[in-house]
């Protein structure tokens, strides 16, 4: 059975936030690349600088996420062993992982 390629609708530069949200709910990353909504960026040197500067910034941005209770319990236990709290340990690990990802890219 041959797959038929469907035509992907395009967003315009003056699309409203609601139109963009609706579009992204029905299109995957390949649609985004095909239509030029997203692009692959190989050079992350600008992000390296942002990450270096972020170390000295106050923690004012917020990221909410849901975790399985067991994962949160393990994180809290590991944080207590390191005499810190779970949020701080998660932030440290996130910063370390971001640095690794940027170096690998």
N, C-alpha and C. Protein backbone atom coordinates (compact mmCIF):
# COMPACT_ATOMS: atom_id res chain seq x y z
N UNK A 1 0.84 -1.18 0.00
CA UNK A 1 0.00 0.00 0.00
C UNK A 1 0.89 1.24 0.00
N UNK A 2 0.66 2.14 -0.91
CA UNK A 2 1.47 3.36 -1.03
C UNK A 2 0.89 4.46 -0.15
N UNK A 3 1.79 5.12 0.58
CA UNK A 3 1.36 6.24 1.41
C UNK A 3 1.23 7.49 0.56
N UNK A 4 0.14 8.18 0.71
CA UNK A 4 -0.07 9.43 -0.02
C UNK A 4 0.46 10.58 0.82
N UNK A 5 1.29 11.39 0.20
CA UNK A 5 1.83 12.54 0.91
C UNK A 5 0.76 13.62 0.97
N UNK A 6 0.47 14.06 2.18
CA UNK A 6 -0.55 15.10 2.33
C UNK A 6 0.09 16.47 2.25
N UNK A 7 -0.65 17.41 1.81
CA UNK A 7 -0.17 18.80 1.73
C UNK A 7 -0.23 19.41 3.11
N UNK A 8 0.87 19.98 3.55
CA UNK A 8 0.94 20.61 4.85
C UNK A 8 0.58 22.08 4.71
N UNK A 9 -0.40 22.52 5.49
CA UNK A 9 -0.77 23.93 5.45
C UNK A 9 0.37 24.76 6.02
N UNK A 10 0.46 25.96 5.56
CA UNK A 10 1.54 26.85 6.00
C UNK A 10 1.01 27.90 6.95
N UNK A 11 1.88 28.35 7.82
CA UNK A 11 1.57 29.49 8.68
C UNK A 11 2.06 30.75 7.98
N UNK A 12 1.40 31.84 8.21
CA UNK A 12 1.86 33.11 7.67
C UNK A 12 2.60 33.88 8.74
N UNK A 13 3.36 34.86 8.35
CA UNK A 13 4.13 35.64 9.32
C UNK A 13 3.24 36.45 10.26
N UNK A 14 2.00 36.66 9.86
CA UNK A 14 1.10 37.41 10.73
C UNK A 14 0.07 36.51 11.42
N UNK A 15 0.40 35.20 11.55
CA UNK A 15 -0.49 34.27 12.25
C UNK A 15 -0.61 34.65 13.71
N UNK A 16 -1.80 34.50 14.25
CA UNK A 16 -2.01 34.79 15.67
C UNK A 16 -1.44 33.66 16.52
N UNK A 17 -1.26 33.91 17.80
CA UNK A 17 -0.78 32.88 18.71
C UNK A 17 -1.72 31.67 18.69
N UNK A 18 -3.01 31.91 18.65
CA UNK A 18 -3.98 30.82 18.63
C UNK A 18 -3.83 29.97 17.37
N UNK A 19 -3.58 30.62 16.22
CA UNK A 19 -3.38 29.88 14.98
C UNK A 19 -2.11 29.03 15.04
N UNK A 20 -1.06 29.58 15.61
CA UNK A 20 0.19 28.84 15.75
C UNK A 20 0.00 27.64 16.66
N UNK A 21 -0.67 27.83 17.79
CA UNK A 21 -0.92 26.74 18.73
C UNK A 21 -1.75 25.64 18.07
N UNK A 22 -2.81 26.03 17.36
CA UNK A 22 -3.66 25.05 16.67
C UNK A 22 -2.85 24.29 15.62
N UNK A 23 -2.00 25.00 14.88
CA UNK A 23 -1.19 24.38 13.83
C UNK A 23 -0.24 23.36 14.44
N UNK A 24 0.44 23.71 15.52
CA UNK A 24 1.42 22.80 16.13
C UNK A 24 0.78 21.57 16.76
N UNK A 25 -0.49 21.66 17.13
CA UNK A 25 -1.17 20.49 17.68
C UNK A 25 -1.39 19.41 16.63
N UNK A 26 -1.45 19.80 15.35
CA UNK A 26 -1.77 18.85 14.28
C UNK A 26 -0.59 18.55 13.36
N UNK A 27 0.57 19.12 13.62
CA UNK A 27 1.73 18.90 12.76
C UNK A 27 2.94 18.47 13.58
N UNK A 28 3.67 17.49 13.06
CA UNK A 28 4.85 17.00 13.77
C UNK A 28 6.10 17.79 13.37
N UNK A 29 7.23 17.38 13.91
CA UNK A 29 8.47 18.11 13.67
C UNK A 29 8.85 18.09 12.19
N UNK A 30 8.53 17.01 11.49
CA UNK A 30 8.87 16.95 10.06
C UNK A 30 8.05 17.95 9.26
N UNK A 31 6.79 18.13 9.64
CA UNK A 31 5.97 19.17 9.00
C UNK A 31 6.56 20.55 9.27
N UNK A 32 7.01 20.74 10.50
CA UNK A 32 7.60 22.04 10.85
C UNK A 32 8.85 22.32 10.04
N UNK A 33 9.69 21.30 9.86
CA UNK A 33 10.90 21.47 9.06
C UNK A 33 10.55 21.72 7.59
N UNK A 34 9.61 20.94 7.07
CA UNK A 34 9.22 21.04 5.67
C UNK A 34 8.66 22.42 5.33
N UNK A 35 7.88 22.98 6.22
CA UNK A 35 7.24 24.27 5.94
C UNK A 35 8.09 25.46 6.36
N UNK A 36 9.24 25.20 6.98
CA UNK A 36 10.11 26.29 7.39
C UNK A 36 9.74 26.92 8.71
N UNK A 37 8.79 26.32 9.44
CA UNK A 37 8.42 26.84 10.76
C UNK A 37 9.56 26.61 11.74
N UNK A 38 10.23 25.46 11.60
CA UNK A 38 11.39 25.13 12.43
C UNK A 38 12.58 24.86 11.51
N UNK A 39 13.76 24.91 12.08
CA UNK A 39 14.96 24.61 11.31
C UNK A 39 15.96 23.90 12.21
N UNK A 40 16.84 23.10 11.60
CA UNK A 40 17.89 22.42 12.33
C UNK A 40 19.07 23.39 12.43
N UNK A 41 19.53 23.59 13.64
CA UNK A 41 20.66 24.49 13.87
C UNK A 41 21.81 23.66 14.42
N UNK A 42 22.91 23.64 13.69
CA UNK A 42 24.07 22.84 14.10
C UNK A 42 24.97 23.60 15.06
N UNK A 43 25.07 24.90 14.92
CA UNK A 43 25.97 25.72 15.73
C UNK A 43 25.26 26.19 16.99
N UNK A 44 25.73 25.72 18.14
CA UNK A 44 25.14 26.09 19.42
C UNK A 44 26.03 27.03 20.22
N UNK A 45 26.99 27.68 19.57
CA UNK A 45 27.92 28.53 20.30
C UNK A 45 27.21 29.68 21.01
N UNK A 46 26.12 30.17 20.42
CA UNK A 46 25.38 31.23 21.09
C UNK A 46 24.74 30.71 22.38
N UNK A 47 24.30 29.47 22.39
CA UNK A 47 23.71 28.88 23.58
C UNK A 47 24.75 28.61 24.66
N UNK A 48 25.99 28.28 24.23
CA UNK A 48 27.07 28.10 25.19
C UNK A 48 27.26 29.36 26.02
N UNK A 49 27.26 30.49 25.33
CA UNK A 49 27.45 31.78 26.02
C UNK A 49 26.28 32.07 26.95
N UNK A 50 25.06 31.80 26.51
CA UNK A 50 23.88 32.01 27.34
C UNK A 50 23.97 31.16 28.60
N UNK A 51 24.39 29.91 28.44
CA UNK A 51 24.51 29.01 29.60
C UNK A 51 25.59 29.50 30.57
N UNK A 52 26.71 29.98 30.04
CA UNK A 52 27.77 30.51 30.92
C UNK A 52 27.27 31.72 31.70
N UNK A 53 26.52 32.60 31.06
CA UNK A 53 25.98 33.77 31.73
C UNK A 53 24.90 33.40 32.74
N UNK A 54 24.16 32.34 32.46
CA UNK A 54 23.05 31.94 33.32
C UNK A 54 23.51 31.52 34.70
N UNK A 55 24.72 31.05 34.81
CA UNK A 55 25.25 30.62 36.11
C UNK A 55 25.20 31.76 37.13
N UNK A 56 25.36 32.98 36.67
CA UNK A 56 25.41 34.13 37.57
C UNK A 56 24.09 34.87 37.71
N UNK A 57 23.04 34.37 37.08
CA UNK A 57 21.74 35.03 37.15
C UNK A 57 20.92 34.49 38.32
N UNK A 58 19.99 35.31 38.77
CA UNK A 58 19.06 34.86 39.81
C UNK A 58 18.09 33.84 39.21
N UNK A 59 17.59 32.98 40.08
CA UNK A 59 16.61 31.97 39.65
C UNK A 59 15.21 32.57 39.66
N UNK A 60 14.87 33.25 38.57
CA UNK A 60 13.56 33.91 38.51
C UNK A 60 12.60 33.24 37.54
N UNK A 61 13.11 32.48 36.56
CA UNK A 61 12.23 31.79 35.62
C UNK A 61 11.77 30.48 36.27
N UNK A 62 10.56 30.07 35.91
CA UNK A 62 9.99 28.89 36.55
C UNK A 62 9.66 27.84 35.51
N UNK A 63 9.96 26.58 35.85
CA UNK A 63 9.62 25.44 35.00
C UNK A 63 8.87 24.45 35.86
N UNK A 64 7.61 24.23 35.54
CA UNK A 64 6.80 23.27 36.30
C UNK A 64 6.78 21.95 35.56
N UNK A 65 6.98 20.87 36.28
CA UNK A 65 6.93 19.55 35.65
C UNK A 65 6.39 18.52 36.62
N UNK A 66 5.77 17.52 36.07
CA UNK A 66 5.23 16.43 36.87
C UNK A 66 6.21 15.27 36.85
N UNK A 67 6.42 14.66 38.02
CA UNK A 67 7.30 13.49 38.15
C UNK A 67 6.53 12.37 38.81
N UNK A 68 6.91 11.13 38.52
CA UNK A 68 6.33 10.03 39.28
C UNK A 68 6.76 10.18 40.75
N UNK A 69 5.89 9.85 41.69
CA UNK A 69 6.23 10.00 43.11
C UNK A 69 7.54 9.30 43.50
N UNK A 70 7.79 8.13 42.94
CA UNK A 70 9.02 7.41 43.29
C UNK A 70 10.26 8.17 42.83
N UNK A 71 10.18 8.81 41.67
CA UNK A 71 11.31 9.58 41.17
C UNK A 71 11.57 10.78 42.07
N UNK A 72 10.52 11.44 42.50
CA UNK A 72 10.66 12.58 43.40
C UNK A 72 11.26 12.14 44.73
N UNK A 73 10.84 10.98 45.23
CA UNK A 73 11.37 10.47 46.49
C UNK A 73 12.87 10.19 46.38
N UNK A 74 13.28 9.59 45.27
CA UNK A 74 14.71 9.31 45.07
C UNK A 74 15.49 10.60 44.96
N UNK A 75 14.96 11.56 44.21
CA UNK A 75 15.63 12.85 44.07
C UNK A 75 15.77 13.53 45.43
N UNK A 76 14.73 13.51 46.23
CA UNK A 76 14.78 14.13 47.56
C UNK A 76 15.81 13.43 48.45
N UNK A 77 15.85 12.11 48.38
CA UNK A 77 16.82 11.37 49.19
C UNK A 77 18.25 11.71 48.79
N UNK A 78 18.51 11.72 47.47
CA UNK A 78 19.85 12.06 46.99
C UNK A 78 20.22 13.50 47.36
N UNK A 79 19.26 14.39 47.30
CA UNK A 79 19.51 15.79 47.66
C UNK A 79 19.88 15.90 49.13
N UNK A 80 19.13 15.21 50.00
CA UNK A 80 19.44 15.24 51.44
C UNK A 80 20.85 14.72 51.71
N UNK A 81 21.26 13.67 50.99
CA UNK A 81 22.61 13.13 51.15
C UNK A 81 23.67 14.14 50.77
N UNK A 82 23.31 15.06 49.90
CA UNK A 82 24.24 16.10 49.44
C UNK A 82 23.99 17.42 50.17
N UNK A 83 23.23 17.36 51.22
CA UNK A 83 22.87 18.52 52.06
C UNK A 83 22.31 19.70 51.26
N UNK A 84 21.40 19.38 50.37
CA UNK A 84 20.69 20.40 49.61
C UNK A 84 19.24 19.94 49.45
N UNK A 85 18.45 20.69 48.72
CA UNK A 85 17.06 20.27 48.50
C UNK A 85 16.90 19.73 47.08
N UNK A 86 15.80 19.08 46.83
CA UNK A 86 15.56 18.42 45.55
C UNK A 86 15.57 19.40 44.38
N UNK A 87 15.01 20.57 44.57
CA UNK A 87 14.96 21.55 43.49
C UNK A 87 16.36 22.01 43.09
N UNK A 88 17.19 22.27 44.08
CA UNK A 88 18.56 22.71 43.79
C UNK A 88 19.33 21.62 43.07
N UNK A 89 19.21 20.38 43.55
CA UNK A 89 19.91 19.28 42.91
C UNK A 89 19.43 19.10 41.46
N UNK A 90 18.14 19.18 41.24
CA UNK A 90 17.60 19.06 39.89
C UNK A 90 18.13 20.18 38.99
N UNK A 91 18.22 21.39 39.53
CA UNK A 91 18.73 22.53 38.76
C UNK A 91 20.21 22.31 38.41
N UNK A 92 20.99 21.79 39.35
CA UNK A 92 22.41 21.51 39.10
C UNK A 92 22.54 20.46 38.00
N UNK A 93 21.77 19.38 38.12
CA UNK A 93 21.84 18.32 37.12
C UNK A 93 21.39 18.81 35.75
N UNK A 94 20.38 19.64 35.72
CA UNK A 94 19.91 20.19 34.45
C UNK A 94 21.00 21.04 33.80
N UNK A 95 21.66 21.87 34.59
CA UNK A 95 22.73 22.72 34.05
C UNK A 95 23.88 21.86 33.52
N UNK A 96 24.23 20.80 34.25
CA UNK A 96 25.31 19.92 33.80
C UNK A 96 24.93 19.22 32.50
N UNK A 97 23.68 18.78 32.41
CA UNK A 97 23.25 18.08 31.20
C UNK A 97 23.17 19.02 30.01
N UNK A 98 22.70 20.23 30.24
CA UNK A 98 22.66 21.21 29.15
C UNK A 98 24.06 21.47 28.62
N UNK A 99 25.01 21.59 29.52
CA UNK A 99 26.39 21.82 29.11
C UNK A 99 26.92 20.65 28.27
N UNK A 100 26.64 19.42 28.71
CA UNK A 100 27.06 18.24 27.95
C UNK A 100 26.42 18.18 26.56
N UNK A 101 25.12 18.48 26.51
CA UNK A 101 24.41 18.45 25.23
C UNK A 101 24.97 19.47 24.26
N UNK A 102 25.27 20.66 24.76
CA UNK A 102 25.80 21.70 23.89
C UNK A 102 27.19 21.34 23.40
N UNK A 103 28.00 20.71 24.25
CA UNK A 103 29.35 20.31 23.82
C UNK A 103 29.29 19.18 22.80
N UNK A 104 28.32 18.28 22.97
CA UNK A 104 28.18 17.14 22.05
C UNK A 104 27.68 17.58 20.67
N UNK A 105 26.87 18.65 20.67
CA UNK A 105 26.27 19.12 19.41
C UNK A 105 27.27 19.79 18.56
